[in-house]
């Protein structure tokens, strides 16, 4: 593939994107409360980790390293900077399209924490 983005798009469109460990943990929690939770929801060419129709809620599971948890802009590496730019765009897109968006850090995925924000 010409890029990671191209490879990701290929996986998504062919239905075999592999869920990350944090995504699997989140899915187990979400499905307890909302069995019809949609994984890998597409909105205007961007993919969100989960969508709960009943709540009009998009959920993103942010990896501590990839999203640079606790780091200031000047401390990010090149990849983290790109991820942050993409996150800002996805936040804006969700809002403009009338969706609620919840971002959860991978190290915060616990039933009591997640359920507090989605119930």
PDB file of N, CA and C in Angstrom:
ATOM      1  N   UNK A   1       0.833  -1.190   0.000  1.00  0.00           N
ATOM      2  CA  UNK A   1       0.000   0.000   0.000  1.00  0.00           C
ATOM      3  C   UNK A   1       0.874   1.248   0.000  1.00  0.00           C
ATOM      4  N   UNK A   2       0.332   2.332  -0.518  1.00  0.00           N
ATOM      5  CA  UNK A   2       1.119   3.556  -0.620  1.00  0.00           C
ATOM      6  C   UNK A   2       1.267   4.267   0.724  1.00  0.00           C
ATOM      7  N   UNK A   3       0.380   3.981   1.691  1.00  0.00           N
ATOM      8  CA  UNK A   3       0.464   4.624   2.998  1.00  0.00           C
ATOM      9  C   UNK A   3      -0.329   3.823   4.025  1.00  0.00           C
ATOM     10  N   UNK A   4      -0.146   4.172   5.317  1.00  0.00           N
ATOM     11  CA  UNK A   4      -0.935   3.538   6.372  1.00  0.00           C
ATOM     12  C   UNK A   4      -2.422   3.874   6.192  1.00  0.00           C
ATOM     13  N   UNK A   5      -2.693   5.094   5.773  1.00  0.00           N
ATOM     14  CA  UNK A   5      -4.076   5.524   5.561  1.00  0.00           C
ATOM     15  C   UNK A   5      -4.741   4.681   4.470  1.00  0.00           C
ATOM     16  N   UNK A   6      -4.027   4.431   3.411  1.00  0.00           N
ATOM     17  CA  UNK A   6      -4.546   3.624   2.308  1.00  0.00           C
ATOM     18  C   UNK A   6      -4.798   2.182   2.774  1.00  0.00           C
ATOM     19  N   UNK A   7      -3.858   1.640   3.540  1.00  0.00           N
ATOM     20  CA  UNK A   7      -4.006   0.287   4.075  1.00  0.00           C
ATOM     21  C   UNK A   7      -5.210   0.209   5.003  1.00  0.00           C
ATOM     22  N   UNK A   8      -5.369   1.212   5.871  1.00  0.00           N
ATOM     23  CA  UNK A   8      -6.499   1.247   6.799  1.00  0.00           C
ATOM     24  C   UNK A   8      -7.822   1.291   6.028  1.00  0.00           C
ATOM     25  N   UNK A   9      -7.902   2.149   5.030  1.00  0.00           N
ATOM     26  CA  UNK A   9      -9.129   2.269   4.235  1.00  0.00           C
ATOM     27  C   UNK A   9      -9.459   0.940   3.554  1.00  0.00           C
ATOM     28  N   UNK A  10      -8.452   0.264   3.039  1.00  0.00           N
ATOM     29  CA  UNK A  10      -8.662  -1.034   2.411  1.00  0.00           C
ATOM     30  C   UNK A  10      -9.235  -2.037   3.409  1.00  0.00           C
ATOM     31  N   UNK A  11      -8.656  -2.082   4.612  1.00  0.00           N
ATOM     32  CA  UNK A  11      -9.136  -2.998   5.647  1.00  0.00           C
ATOM     33  C   UNK A  11     -10.587  -2.700   6.018  1.00  0.00           C
ATOM     34  N   UNK A  12     -10.894  -1.432   6.198  1.00  0.00           N
ATOM     35  CA  UNK A  12     -12.242  -1.026   6.603  1.00  0.00           C
ATOM     36  C   UNK A  12     -13.260  -1.411   5.538  1.00  0.00           C
ATOM     37  N   UNK A  13     -12.988  -1.037   4.316  1.00  0.00           N
ATOM     38  CA  UNK A  13     -13.955  -1.292   3.246  1.00  0.00           C
ATOM     39  C   UNK A  13     -14.125  -2.769   2.938  1.00  0.00           C
ATOM     40  N   UNK A  14     -13.144  -3.578   3.277  1.00  0.00           N
ATOM     41  CA  UNK A  14     -13.260  -5.011   3.043  1.00  0.00           C
ATOM     42  C   UNK A  14     -13.689  -5.778   4.292  1.00  0.00           C
ATOM     43  N   UNK A  15     -14.006  -5.037   5.356  1.00  0.00           N
ATOM     44  CA  UNK A  15     -14.603  -5.635   6.541  1.00  0.00           C
ATOM     45  C   UNK A  15     -13.682  -6.446   7.419  1.00  0.00           C
ATOM     46  N   UNK A  16     -12.380  -6.200   7.366  1.00  0.00           N
ATOM     47  CA  UNK A  16     -11.519  -6.968   8.246  1.00  0.00           C
ATOM     48  C   UNK A  16     -10.495  -6.127   8.989  1.00  0.00           C
ATOM     49  N   UNK A  17     -10.916  -4.922   9.383  1.00  0.00           N
ATOM     50  CA  UNK A  17     -10.058  -4.127  10.259  1.00  0.00           C
ATOM     51  C   UNK A  17      -9.975  -4.843  11.600  1.00  0.00           C
ATOM     52  N   UNK A  18      -8.785  -5.036  12.095  1.00  0.00           N
ATOM     53  CA  UNK A  18      -8.585  -5.734  13.356  1.00  0.00           C
ATOM     54  C   UNK A  18      -8.765  -4.748  14.508  1.00  0.00           C
ATOM     55  N   UNK A  19      -9.632  -5.117  15.440  1.00  0.00           N
ATOM     56  CA  UNK A  19      -9.877  -4.260  16.597  1.00  0.00           C
ATOM     57  C   UNK A  19      -8.673  -4.291  17.519  1.00  0.00           C
ATOM     58  N   UNK A  20      -8.353  -3.123  18.061  1.00  0.00           N
ATOM     59  CA  UNK A  20      -7.274  -3.049  19.031  1.00  0.00           C
ATOM     60  C   UNK A  20      -7.765  -3.594  20.373  1.00  0.00           C
ATOM     61  N   UNK A  21      -6.827  -3.902  21.253  1.00  0.00           N
ATOM     62  CA  UNK A  21      -7.187  -4.396  22.578  1.00  0.00           C
ATOM     63  C   UNK A  21      -8.091  -3.399  23.321  1.00  0.00           C
ATOM     64  N   UNK A  22      -7.763  -2.094  23.327  1.00  0.00           N
ATOM     65  CA  UNK A  22      -8.661  -1.140  23.988  1.00  0.00           C
ATOM     66  C   UNK A  22     -10.054  -1.090  23.337  1.00  0.00           C
ATOM     67  N   UNK A  23     -10.114  -1.219  22.011  1.00  0.00           N
ATOM     68  CA  UNK A  23     -11.415  -1.233  21.336  1.00  0.00           C
ATOM     69  C   UNK A  23     -12.225  -2.459  21.739  1.00  0.00           C
ATOM     70  N   UNK A  24     -11.581  -3.595  21.865  1.00  0.00           N
ATOM     71  CA  UNK A  24     -12.273  -4.812  22.299  1.00  0.00           C
ATOM     72  C   UNK A  24     -12.816  -4.652  23.722  1.00  0.00           C
ATOM     73  N   UNK A  25     -12.016  -4.063  24.604  1.00  0.00           N
ATOM     74  CA  UNK A  25     -12.460  -3.829  25.975  1.00  0.00           C
ATOM     75  C   UNK A  25     -13.666  -2.885  25.997  1.00  0.00           C
ATOM     76  N   UNK A  26     -13.589  -1.825  25.215  1.00  0.00           N
ATOM     77  CA  UNK A  26     -14.680  -0.851  25.158  1.00  0.00           C
ATOM     78  C   UNK A  26     -15.936  -1.487  24.584  1.00  0.00           C
ATOM     79  N   UNK A  27     -15.782  -2.280  23.553  1.00  0.00           N
ATOM     80  CA  UNK A  27     -16.933  -2.921  22.929  1.00  0.00           C
ATOM     81  C   UNK A  27     -17.670  -3.833  23.917  1.00  0.00           C
ATOM     82  N   UNK A  28     -16.929  -4.576  24.719  1.00  0.00           N
ATOM     83  CA  UNK A  28     -17.551  -5.442  25.724  1.00  0.00           C
ATOM     84  C   UNK A  28     -18.413  -4.632  26.696  1.00  0.00           C
ATOM     85  N   UNK A  29     -17.912  -3.496  27.107  1.00  0.00           N
ATOM     86  CA  UNK A  29     -18.664  -2.641  28.029  1.00  0.00           C
ATOM     87  C   UNK A  29     -19.885  -2.045  27.331  1.00  0.00           C
ATOM     88  N   UNK A  30     -19.688  -1.476  26.157  1.00  0.00           N
ATOM     89  CA  UNK A  30     -20.787  -0.806  25.449  1.00  0.00           C
ATOM     90  C   UNK A  30     -21.922  -1.760  25.118  1.00  0.00           C
ATOM     91  N   UNK A  31     -21.584  -2.961  24.677  1.00  0.00           N
ATOM     92  CA  UNK A  31     -22.612  -3.928  24.270  1.00  0.00           C
ATOM     93  C   UNK A  31     -23.498  -4.367  25.447  1.00  0.00           C
ATOM     94  N   UNK A  32     -23.007  -4.234  26.682  1.00  0.00           N
ATOM     95  CA  UNK A  32     -23.836  -4.545  27.852  1.00  0.00           C
ATOM     96  C   UNK A  32     -25.022  -3.587  27.943  1.00  0.00           C
ATOM     97  N   UNK A  33     -24.787  -2.345  27.601  1.00  0.00           N
ATOM     98  CA  UNK A  33     -25.801  -1.301  27.739  1.00  0.00           C
ATOM     99  C   UNK A  33     -26.545  -1.033  26.428  1.00  0.00           C
ATOM    100  N   UNK A  34     -25.815  -1.140  25.333  1.00  0.00           N
ATOM    101  CA  UNK A  34     -26.385  -0.862  24.008  1.00  0.00           C
ATOM    102  C   UNK A  34     -25.947  -1.957  23.039  1.00  0.00           C
ATOM    103  N   UNK A  35     -26.729  -3.045  22.960  1.00  0.00           N
ATOM    104  CA  UNK A  35     -26.340  -4.192  22.117  1.00  0.00           C
ATOM    105  C   UNK A  35     -26.175  -3.854  20.639  1.00  0.00           C
ATOM    106  N   UNK A  36     -26.812  -2.781  20.183  1.00  0.00           N
ATOM    107  CA  UNK A  36     -26.736  -2.418  18.767  1.00  0.00           C
ATOM    108  C   UNK A  36     -25.623  -1.423  18.460  1.00  0.00           C
ATOM    109  N   UNK A  37     -24.675  -1.299  19.366  1.00  0.00           N
ATOM    110  CA  UNK A  37     -23.542  -0.405  19.144  1.00  0.00           C
ATOM    111  C   UNK A  37     -22.855  -0.769  17.829  1.00  0.00           C
ATOM    112  N   UNK A  38     -22.561   0.243  17.039  1.00  0.00           N
ATOM    113  CA  UNK A  38     -21.915   0.041  15.738  1.00  0.00           C
ATOM    114  C   UNK A  38     -20.419   0.309  15.879  1.00  0.00           C
ATOM    115  N   UNK A  39     -19.614  -0.627  15.416  1.00  0.00           N
ATOM    116  CA  UNK A  39     -18.160  -0.461  15.421  1.00  0.00           C
ATOM    117  C   UNK A  39     -17.716   0.140  14.100  1.00  0.00           C
ATOM    118  N   UNK A  40     -16.750   1.044  14.164  1.00  0.00           N
ATOM    119  CA  UNK A  40     -16.135   1.624  12.976  1.00  0.00           C
ATOM    120  C   UNK A  40     -17.149   2.386  12.127  1.00  0.00           C
ATOM    121  N   UNK A  41     -17.809   3.318  12.737  1.00  0.00           N
ATOM    122  CA  UNK A  41     -18.870   4.104  12.095  1.00  0.00           C
ATOM    123  C   UNK A  41     -18.267   5.173  11.195  1.00  0.00           C
ATOM    124  N   UNK A  42     -18.716   5.208   9.961  1.00  0.00           N
ATOM    125  CA  UNK A  42     -18.184   6.154   8.983  1.00  0.00           C
ATOM    126  C   UNK A  42     -19.053   7.405   8.908  1.00  0.00           C
ATOM    127  N   UNK A  43     -18.400   8.556   8.939  1.00  0.00           N
ATOM    128  CA  UNK A  43     -19.075   9.847   8.813  1.00  0.00           C
ATOM    129  C   UNK A  43     -18.237  10.733   7.902  1.00  0.00           C
ATOM    130  N   UNK A  44     -18.759  11.006   6.733  1.00  0.00           N
ATOM    131  CA  UNK A  44     -18.076  11.870   5.760  1.00  0.00           C
ATOM    132  C   UNK A  44     -16.611  11.477   5.529  1.00  0.00           C
ATOM    133  N   UNK A  45     -16.372  10.196   5.391  1.00  0.00           N
ATOM    134  CA  UNK A  45     -15.030   9.715   5.083  1.00  0.00           C
ATOM    135  C   UNK A  45     -14.118   9.511   6.276  1.00  0.00           C
ATOM    136  N   UNK A  46     -14.588   9.830   7.457  1.00  0.00           N
ATOM    137  CA  UNK A  46     -13.815   9.603   8.684  1.00  0.00           C
ATOM    138  C   UNK A  46     -14.482   8.480   9.465  1.00  0.00           C
ATOM    139  N   UNK A  47     -13.675   7.684  10.133  1.00  0.00           N
ATOM    140  CA  UNK A  47     -14.194   6.553  10.890  1.00  0.00           C
ATOM    141  C   UNK A  47     -14.055   6.799  12.386  1.00  0.00           C
ATOM    142  N   UNK A  48     -15.142   6.569  13.088  1.00  0.00           N
ATOM    143  CA  UNK A  48     -15.183   6.694  14.545  1.00  0.00           C
ATOM    144  C   UNK A  48     -15.280   5.285  15.110  1.00  0.00           C
ATOM    145  N   UNK A  49     -14.649   5.070  16.258  1.00  0.00           N
ATOM    146  CA  UNK A  49     -14.561   3.724  16.802  1.00  0.00           C
ATOM    147  C   UNK A  49     -15.930   3.102  17.055  1.00  0.00           C
ATOM    148  N   UNK A  50     -16.846   3.861  17.652  1.00  0.00           N
ATOM    149  CA  UNK A  50     -18.178   3.334  17.976  1.00  0.00           C
ATOM    150  C   UNK A  50     -19.243   4.394  17.777  1.00  0.00           C
ATOM    151  N   UNK A  51     -20.462   3.910  17.514  1.00  0.00           N
ATOM    152  CA  UNK A  51     -21.619   4.791  17.438  1.00  0.00           C
ATOM    153  C   UNK A  51     -22.785   4.123  18.152  1.00  0.00           C
ATOM    154  N   UNK A  52     -23.424   4.882  19.044  1.00  0.00           N
ATOM    155  CA  UNK A  52     -24.615   4.414  19.750  1.00  0.00           C
ATOM    156  C   UNK A  52     -25.790   5.229  19.230  1.00  0.00           C
ATOM    157  N   UNK A  53     -26.595   4.603  18.397  1.00  0.00           N
ATOM    158  CA  UNK A  53     -27.715   5.273  17.749  1.00  0.00           C
ATOM    159  C   UNK A  53     -28.666   5.900  18.758  1.00  0.00           C
ATOM    160  N   UNK A  54     -29.014   5.154  19.802  1.00  0.00           N
ATOM    161  CA  UNK A  54     -29.987   5.634  20.793  1.00  0.00           C
ATOM    162  C   UNK A  54     -29.546   6.923  21.477  1.00  0.00           C
ATOM    163  N   UNK A  55     -28.273   7.166  21.530  1.00  0.00           N
ATOM    164  CA  UNK A  55     -27.714   8.350  22.181  1.00  0.00           C
ATOM    165  C   UNK A  55     -27.174   9.375  21.183  1.00  0.00           C
ATOM    166  N   UNK A  56     -27.198   9.022  19.904  1.00  0.00           N
ATOM    167  CA  UNK A  56     -26.561   9.847  18.882  1.00  0.00           C
ATOM    168  C   UNK A  56     -25.129  10.170  19.312  1.00  0.00           C
ATOM    169  N   UNK A  57     -24.445   9.139  19.795  1.00  0.00           N
ATOM    170  CA  UNK A  57     -23.142   9.304  20.424  1.00  0.00           C
ATOM    171  C   UNK A  57     -22.049   8.544  19.685  1.00  0.00           C
ATOM    172  N   UNK A  58     -21.049   9.283  19.254  1.00  0.00           N
ATOM    173  CA  UNK A  58     -19.837   8.697  18.690  1.00  0.00           C
ATOM    174  C   UNK A  58     -18.836   8.555  19.826  1.00  0.00           C
ATOM    175  N   UNK A  59     -18.074   7.464  19.816  1.00  0.00           N
ATOM    176  CA  UNK A  59     -17.074   7.241  20.852  1.00  0.00           C
ATOM    177  C   UNK A  59     -15.740   6.928  20.189  1.00  0.00           C
ATOM    178  N   UNK A  60     -14.712   7.621  20.651  1.00  0.00           N
ATOM    179  CA  UNK A  60     -13.364   7.373  20.194  1.00  0.00           C
ATOM    180  C   UNK A  60     -12.535   6.844  21.364  1.00  0.00           C
ATOM    181  N   UNK A  61     -11.804   5.782  21.142  1.00  0.00           N
ATOM    182  CA  UNK A  61     -10.890   5.235  22.131  1.00  0.00           C
ATOM    183  C   UNK A  61      -9.494   5.729  21.737  1.00  0.00           C
ATOM    184  N   UNK A  62      -8.931   6.599  22.555  1.00  0.00           N
ATOM    185  CA  UNK A  62      -7.647   7.209  22.237  1.00  0.00           C
ATOM    186  C   UNK A  62      -6.504   6.500  22.950  1.00  0.00           C
ATOM    187  N   UNK A  63      -5.557   6.036  22.169  1.00  0.00           N
ATOM    188  CA  UNK A  63      -4.380   5.391  22.733  1.00  0.00           C
ATOM    189  C   UNK A  63      -3.473   6.407  23.406  1.00  0.00           C
ATOM    190  N   UNK A  64      -2.941   6.043  24.552  1.00  0.00           N
ATOM    191  CA  UNK A  64      -2.100   6.942  25.344  1.00  0.00           C
ATOM    192  C   UNK A  64      -0.908   7.437  24.531  1.00  0.00           C
ATOM    193  N   UNK A  65      -0.203   6.527  23.869  1.00  0.00           N
ATOM    194  CA  UNK A  65       0.959   6.944  23.079  1.00  0.00           C
ATOM    195  C   UNK A  65       0.537   7.706  21.821  1.00  0.00           C
ATOM    196  N   UNK A  66      -0.323   7.094  21.023  1.00  0.00           N
ATOM    197  CA  UNK A  66      -0.650   7.652  19.708  1.00  0.00           C
ATOM    198  C   UNK A  66      -1.267   9.031  19.785  1.00  0.00           C
ATOM    199  N   UNK A  67      -2.042   9.284  20.831  1.00  0.00           N
ATOM    200  CA  UNK A  67      -2.706  10.584  20.970  1.00  0.00           C
ATOM    201  C   UNK A  67      -1.949  11.514  21.914  1.00  0.00           C
ATOM    202  N   UNK A  68      -0.839  11.043  22.457  1.00  0.00           N
ATOM    203  CA  UNK A  68       0.045  11.885  23.253  1.00  0.00           C
ATOM    204  C   UNK A  68      -0.557  12.358  24.566  1.00  0.00           C
ATOM    205  N   UNK A  69      -1.136  11.430  25.313  1.00  0.00           N
ATOM    206  CA  UNK A  69      -1.752  11.814  26.589  1.00  0.00           C
ATOM    207  C   UNK A  69      -0.728  12.498  27.493  1.00  0.00           C
ATOM    208  N   UNK A  70      -1.122  13.652  28.016  1.00  0.00           N
ATOM    209  CA  UNK A  70      -0.281  14.385  28.952  1.00  0.00           C
ATOM    210  C   UNK A  70       0.846  15.189  28.312  1.00  0.00           C
ATOM    211  N   UNK A  71       0.955  15.136  26.989  1.00  0.00           N
ATOM    212  CA  UNK A  71       2.027  15.861  26.309  1.00  0.00           C
ATOM    213  C   UNK A  71       1.518  17.187  25.754  1.00  0.00           C
ATOM    214  N   UNK A  72       2.380  18.185  25.810  1.00  0.00           N
ATOM    215  CA  UNK A  72       2.085  19.478  25.196  1.00  0.00           C
ATOM    216  C   UNK A  72       2.431  19.384  23.713  1.00  0.00           C
ATOM    217  N   UNK A  73       1.883  20.311  22.933  1.00  0.00           N
ATOM    218  CA  UNK A  73       2.100  20.296  21.479  1.00  0.00           C
ATOM    219  C   UNK A  73       3.584  20.202  21.113  1.00  0.00           C
ATOM    220  N   UNK A  74       4.430  20.933  21.805  1.00  0.00           N
ATOM    221  CA  UNK A  74       5.860  20.947  21.456  1.00  0.00           C
ATOM    222  C   UNK A  74       6.596  19.675  21.890  1.00  0.00           C
ATOM    223  N   UNK A  75       5.919  18.780  22.614  1.00  0.00           N
ATOM    224  CA  UNK A  75       6.521  17.523  23.055  1.00  0.00           C
ATOM    225  C   UNK A  75       6.127  16.337  22.175  1.00  0.00           C
ATOM    226  N   UNK A  76       5.215  16.553  21.252  1.00  0.00           N
ATOM    227  CA  UNK A  76       4.712  15.471  20.401  1.00  0.00           C
ATOM    228  C   UNK A  76       5.690  15.129  19.289  1.00  0.00           C
ATOM    229  N   UNK A  77       5.716  13.842  18.915  1.00  0.00           N
ATOM    230  CA  UNK A  77       6.501  13.473  17.735  1.00  0.00           C
ATOM    231  C   UNK A  77       5.635  13.714  16.489  1.00  0.00           C
ATOM    232  N   UNK A  78       6.191  13.453  15.339  1.00  0.00           N
ATOM    233  CA  UNK A  78       5.508  13.755  14.070  1.00  0.00           C
ATOM    234  C   UNK A  78       4.173  13.011  13.948  1.00  0.00           C
ATOM    235  N   UNK A  79       4.162  11.740  14.303  1.00  0.00           N
ATOM    236  CA  UNK A  79       2.930  10.950  14.197  1.00  0.00           C
ATOM    237  C   UNK A  79       1.867  11.467  15.157  1.00  0.00           C
ATOM    238  N   UNK A  80       2.269  11.741  16.390  1.00  0.00           N
ATOM    239  CA  UNK A  80       1.320  12.253  17.383  1.00  0.00           C
ATOM    240  C   UNK A  80       0.729  13.594  16.948  1.00  0.00           C
ATOM    241  N   UNK A  81       1.539  14.431  16.326  1.00  0.00           N
ATOM    242  CA  UNK A  81       1.035  15.718  15.830  1.00  0.00           C
ATOM    243  C   UNK A  81      -0.039  15.493  14.768  1.00  0.00           C
ATOM    244  N   UNK A  82       0.217  14.546  13.866  1.00  0.00           N
ATOM    245  CA  UNK A  82      -0.771  14.225  12.821  1.00  0.00           C
ATOM    246  C   UNK A  82      -2.058  13.688  13.436  1.00  0.00           C
ATOM    247  N   UNK A  83      -1.913  12.834  14.450  1.00  0.00           N
ATOM    248  CA  UNK A  83      -3.079  12.263  15.119  1.00  0.00           C
ATOM    249  C   UNK A  83      -3.887  13.367  15.786  1.00  0.00           C
ATOM    250  N   UNK A  84      -3.217  14.298  16.447  1.00  0.00           N
ATOM    251  CA  UNK A  84      -3.918  15.404  17.113  1.00  0.00           C
ATOM    252  C   UNK A  84      -4.675  16.277  16.101  1.00  0.00           C
ATOM    253  N   UNK A  85      -4.066  16.526  14.967  1.00  0.00           N
ATOM    254  CA  UNK A  85      -4.730  17.307  13.912  1.00  0.00           C
ATOM    255  C   UNK A  85      -5.989  16.573  13.452  1.00  0.00           C
ATOM    256  N   UNK A  86      -5.854  15.266  13.232  1.00  0.00           N
ATOM    257  CA  UNK A  86      -6.991  14.452  12.817  1.00  0.00           C
ATOM    258  C   UNK A  86      -8.079  14.448  13.890  1.00  0.00           C
ATOM    259  N   UNK A  87      -7.685  14.357  15.156  1.00  0.00           N
ATOM    260  CA  UNK A  87      -8.653  14.382  16.262  1.00  0.00           C
ATOM    261  C   UNK A  87      -9.448  15.683  16.264  1.00  0.00           C
ATOM    262  N   UNK A  88      -8.753  16.797  16.089  1.00  0.00           N
ATOM    263  CA  UNK A  88      -9.439  18.101  16.074  1.00  0.00           C
ATOM    264  C   UNK A  88     -10.442  18.165  14.926  1.00  0.00           C
ATOM    265  N   UNK A  89     -10.033  17.656  13.771  1.00  0.00           N
ATOM    266  CA  UNK A  89     -10.936  17.650  12.624  1.00  0.00           C
ATOM    267  C   UNK A  89     -12.165  16.775  12.905  1.00  0.00           C
ATOM    268  N   UNK A  90     -11.938  15.580  13.479  1.00  0.00           N
ATOM    269  CA  UNK A  90     -13.054  14.678  13.767  1.00  0.00           C
ATOM    270  C   UNK A  90     -13.987  15.259  14.833  1.00  0.00           C
ATOM    271  N   UNK A  91     -13.431  15.960  15.810  1.00  0.00           N
ATOM    272  CA  UNK A  91     -14.259  16.633  16.815  1.00  0.00           C
ATOM    273  C   UNK A  91     -15.174  17.653  16.147  1.00  0.00           C
ATOM    274  N   UNK A  92     -14.588  18.451  15.278  1.00  0.00           N
ATOM    275  CA  UNK A  92     -15.338  19.496  14.569  1.00  0.00           C
ATOM    276  C   UNK A  92     -16.402  18.878  13.654  1.00  0.00           C
ATOM    277  N   UNK A  93     -16.022  17.843  12.918  1.00  0.00           N
ATOM    278  CA  UNK A  93     -16.944  17.177  12.010  1.00  0.00           C
ATOM    279  C   UNK A  93     -18.148  16.609  12.757  1.00  0.00           C
ATOM    280  N   UNK A  94     -17.895  15.929  13.843  1.00  0.00           N
ATOM    281  CA  UNK A  94     -18.984  15.345  14.629  1.00  0.00           C
ATOM    282  C   UNK A  94     -19.948  16.436  15.097  1.00  0.00           C
ATOM    283  N   UNK A  95     -19.401  17.521  15.610  1.00  0.00           N
ATOM    284  CA  UNK A  95     -20.230  18.622  16.105  1.00  0.00           C
ATOM    285  C   UNK A  95     -21.045  19.250  14.974  1.00  0.00           C
ATOM    286  N   UNK A  96     -20.400  19.529  13.864  1.00  0.00           N
ATOM    287  CA  UNK A  96     -21.084  20.149  12.721  1.00  0.00           C
ATOM    288  C   UNK A  96     -22.203  19.262  12.168  1.00  0.00           C
ATOM    289  N   UNK A  97     -22.042  17.944  12.285  1.00  0.00           N
ATOM    290  CA  UNK A  97     -23.043  17.006  11.769  1.00  0.00           C
ATOM    291  C   UNK A  97     -24.095  16.643  12.826  1.00  0.00           C
ATOM    292  N   UNK A  98     -24.018  17.265  13.994  1.00  0.00           N
ATOM    293  CA  UNK A  98     -25.038  17.075  15.013  1.00  0.00           C
ATOM    294  C   UNK A  98     -24.871  15.855  15.900  1.00  0.00           C
ATOM    295  N   UNK A  99     -23.663  15.317  15.973  1.00  0.00           N
ATOM    296  CA  UNK A  99     -23.394  14.157  16.815  1.00  0.00           C
ATOM    297  C   UNK A  99     -22.749  14.605  18.126  1.00  0.00           C
ATOM    298  N   UNK A 100     -22.998  13.851  19.175  1.00  0.00           N
ATOM    299  CA  UNK A 100     -22.245  13.996  20.411  1.00  0.00           C
ATOM    300  C   UNK A 100     -21.018  13.114  20.263  1.00  0.00           C
ATOM    301  N   UNK A 101     -19.914  13.522  20.867  1.00  0.00           N
ATOM    302  CA  UNK A 101     -18.680  12.759  20.770  1.00  0.00           C
ATOM    303  C   UNK A 101     -18.061  12.613  22.145  1.00  0.00           C
ATOM    304  N   UNK A 102     -17.711  11.392  22.489  1.00  0.00           N
ATOM    305  CA  UNK A 102     -17.033  11.092  23.743  1.00  0.00           C
ATOM    306  C   UNK A 102     -15.687  10.473  23.409  1.00  0.00           C
ATOM    307  N   UNK A 103     -14.629  11.040  23.967  1.00  0.00           N
ATOM    308  CA  UNK A 103     -13.286  10.482  23.813  1.00  0.00           C
ATOM    309  C   UNK A 103     -12.890   9.852  25.135  1.00  0.00           C
ATOM    310  N   UNK A 104     -12.401   8.614  25.068  1.00  0.00           N
ATOM    311  CA  UNK A 104     -11.997   7.878  26.260  1.00  0.00           C
ATOM    312  C   UNK A 104     -10.557   7.423  26.060  1.00  0.00           C
ATOM    313  N   UNK A 105      -9.699   7.736  27.047  1.00  0.00           N
ATOM    314  CA  UNK A 105      -8.321   7.257  26.993  1.00  0.00           C
ATOM    315  C   UNK A 105      -8.300   5.758  27.246  1.00  0.00           C
ATOM    316  N   UNK A 106      -7.426   5.066  26.554  1.00  0.00           N
ATOM    317  CA  UNK A 106      -7.351   3.606  26.690  1.00  0.00           C
ATOM    318  C   UNK A 106      -7.110   3.167  28.124  1.00  0.00           C
ATOM    319  N   UNK A 107      -6.388   3.969  28.905  1.00  0.00           N
ATOM    320  CA  UNK A 107      -6.106   3.579  30.289  1.00  0.00           C
ATOM    321  C   UNK A 107      -7.239   3.923  31.255  1.00  0.00           C
ATOM    322  N   UNK A 108      -8.328   4.466  30.721  1.00  0.00           N
ATOM    323  CA  UNK A 108      -9.495   4.801  31.541  1.00  0.00           C
ATOM    324  C   UNK A 108     -10.691   3.897  31.251  1.00  0.00           C
ATOM    325  N   UNK A 109     -10.495   2.874  30.439  1.00  0.00           N
ATOM    326  CA  UNK A 109     -11.601   2.001  30.064  1.00  0.00           C
ATOM    327  C   UNK A 109     -11.907   1.048  31.210  1.00  0.00           C
ATOM    328  N   UNK A 110     -12.943   1.408  31.923  1.00  0.00           N
ATOM    329  CA  UNK A 110     -13.467   0.588  33.016  1.00  0.00           C
ATOM    330  C   UNK A 110     -14.974   0.739  32.973  1.00  0.00           C
ATOM    331  N   UNK A 111     -15.687  -0.290  33.313  1.00  0.00           N
ATOM    332  CA  UNK A 111     -17.142  -0.262  33.233  1.00  0.00           C
ATOM    333  C   UNK A 111     -17.733   0.933  33.981  1.00  0.00           C
ATOM    334  N   UNK A 112     -17.311   1.162  35.220  1.00  0.00           N
ATOM    335  CA  UNK A 112     -17.912   2.247  35.994  1.00  0.00           C
ATOM    336  C   UNK A 112     -17.591   3.616  35.401  1.00  0.00           C
ATOM    337  N   UNK A 113     -16.423   3.775  34.816  1.00  0.00           N
ATOM    338  CA  UNK A 113     -16.047   5.045  34.207  1.00  0.00           C
ATOM    339  C   UNK A 113     -16.847   5.289  32.921  1.00  0.00           C
ATOM    340  N   UNK A 114     -16.868   4.288  32.061  1.00  0.00           N
ATOM    341  CA  UNK A 114     -17.553   4.418  30.771  1.00  0.00           C
ATOM    342  C   UNK A 114     -19.053   4.564  30.957  1.00  0.00           C
ATOM    343  N   UNK A 115     -19.650   3.726  31.800  1.00  0.00           N
ATOM    344  CA  UNK A 115     -21.112   3.762  31.972  1.00  0.00           C
ATOM    345  C   UNK A 115     -21.558   5.108  32.550  1.00  0.00           C
ATOM    346  N   UNK A 116     -20.726   5.740  33.341  1.00  0.00           N
ATOM    347  CA  UNK A 116     -21.062   7.047  33.927  1.00  0.00           C
ATOM    348  C   UNK A 116     -21.308   8.079  32.838  1.00  0.00           C
ATOM    349  N   UNK A 117     -20.585   7.967  31.740  1.00  0.00           N
ATOM    350  CA  UNK A 117     -20.681   8.958  30.668  1.00  0.00           C
ATOM    351  C   UNK A 117     -21.672   8.589  29.570  1.00  0.00           C
ATOM    352  N   UNK A 118     -22.120   7.356  29.503  1.00  0.00           N
ATOM    353  CA  UNK A 118     -23.029   6.982  28.417  1.00  0.00           C
ATOM    354  C   UNK A 118     -24.441   6.714  28.877  1.00  0.00           C
ATOM    355  N   UNK A 119     -24.676   6.547  30.174  1.00  0.00           N
ATOM    356  CA  UNK A 119     -26.040   6.260  30.643  1.00  0.00           C
ATOM    357  C   UNK A 119     -26.842   7.521  30.868  1.00  0.00           C
TER     358      UNK A 119
END
